[in-house]
Protein backbone atom coordinates (compact mmCIF):
# COMPACT_ATOMS: atom_id res chain seq x y z
CA UNK A 1 4.51 0.01 -9.18
CA UNK A 2 2.40 1.00 -12.00
CA UNK A 3 2.66 -2.79 -13.65
CA UNK A 4 1.12 -3.60 -9.96
CA UNK A 5 -1.89 -1.19 -9.91
CA UNK A 6 -2.59 -1.52 -13.50
CA UNK A 7 -2.99 -5.41 -12.69
CA UNK A 8 -4.97 -4.89 -9.55
CA UNK A 9 -7.27 -2.66 -11.96
CA UNK A 10 -7.13 -5.45 -14.68
CA UNK A 11 -8.17 -8.32 -12.11
CA UNK A 12 -10.85 -6.63 -10.57
CA UNK A 13 -11.74 -5.71 -14.12
CA UNK A 14 -11.90 -9.15 -15.07
CA UNK A 15 -12.90 -11.27 -12.27
CA UNK A 16 -16.34 -9.02 -11.54
CA UNK A 17 -17.47 -11.45 -14.27
CA UNK A 18 -15.60 -14.95 -13.18
CA UNK A 19 -15.55 -13.92 -9.59
CA UNK A 20 -12.13 -15.10 -8.88
CA UNK A 21 -11.38 -13.22 -5.85
CA UNK A 22 -7.58 -15.59 -4.97
CA UNK A 23 -6.96 -13.42 -8.04
CA UNK A 24 -7.92 -9.95 -6.83
CA UNK A 25 -6.42 -11.01 -3.48
CA UNK A 26 -2.85 -11.40 -4.87
CA UNK A 27 -2.91 -8.34 -6.81
CA UNK A 28 -4.11 -6.31 -3.73
CA UNK A 29 -1.49 -7.81 -1.68
CA UNK A 30 1.68 -7.87 -4.28
CA UNK A 31 0.32 -3.70 -4.87
CA UNK A 32 0.44 -3.24 -1.43
CA UNK A 33 3.78 -4.50 -0.94
CA UNK A 34 5.30 -2.33 -3.55
CA UNK A 35 3.57 0.53 -1.67
CA UNK A 36 5.02 0.00 1.45
CA UNK A 37 8.47 -0.67 0.15
CA UNK A 38 8.20 3.17 -1.97
CA UNK A 39 7.49 4.28 1.47
CA UNK A 40 10.42 2.48 4.05
CA UNK A 41 12.85 5.10 3.47
CA UNK A 42 11.10 7.74 4.24
CA UNK A 43 9.75 5.74 7.46
CA UNK A 44 12.99 4.44 8.54
CA UNK A 45 14.65 8.62 8.56
CA UNK A 46 11.54 9.07 10.67
CA UNK A 47 12.48 6.75 12.98
CA UNK A 48 16.05 7.11 13.30
CA UNK A 49 16.38 10.55 12.65
CA UNK A 50 12.92 12.68 13.65
CA UNK A 51 11.24 11.75 16.52
CA UNK A 52 8.89 14.84 16.23
CA UNK A 53 8.21 14.01 12.69
CA UNK A 54 7.38 11.00 13.59
CA UNK A 55 4.97 11.73 16.46
CA UNK A 56 3.34 14.21 14.14
CA UNK A 57 3.27 11.25 11.13
CA UNK A 58 1.26 9.08 14.08
CA UNK A 59 -1.03 11.28 15.23
CA UNK A 60 -2.17 12.08 11.83
CA UNK A 61 -2.22 8.35 10.78
CA UNK A 62 -4.38 7.67 14.02
CA UNK A 63 -6.72 10.79 13.32
CA UNK A 64 -7.59 9.50 9.84
CA UNK A 65 -9.47 5.59 11.14
């Protein structure tokens, strides 16, 4: 994930000059997928084993919006 974060940062920095939005978007999507994959195990545990934890997470998530 560190490499994808760096790639995203470089794409944003490089693309400010070239305005290559497609490169930035691809880097953002790849980083988002990697971040989601690091959190999936916690989410699966909540769904399968901890209903109160899942509800607390959903409430906190809704309050941030």
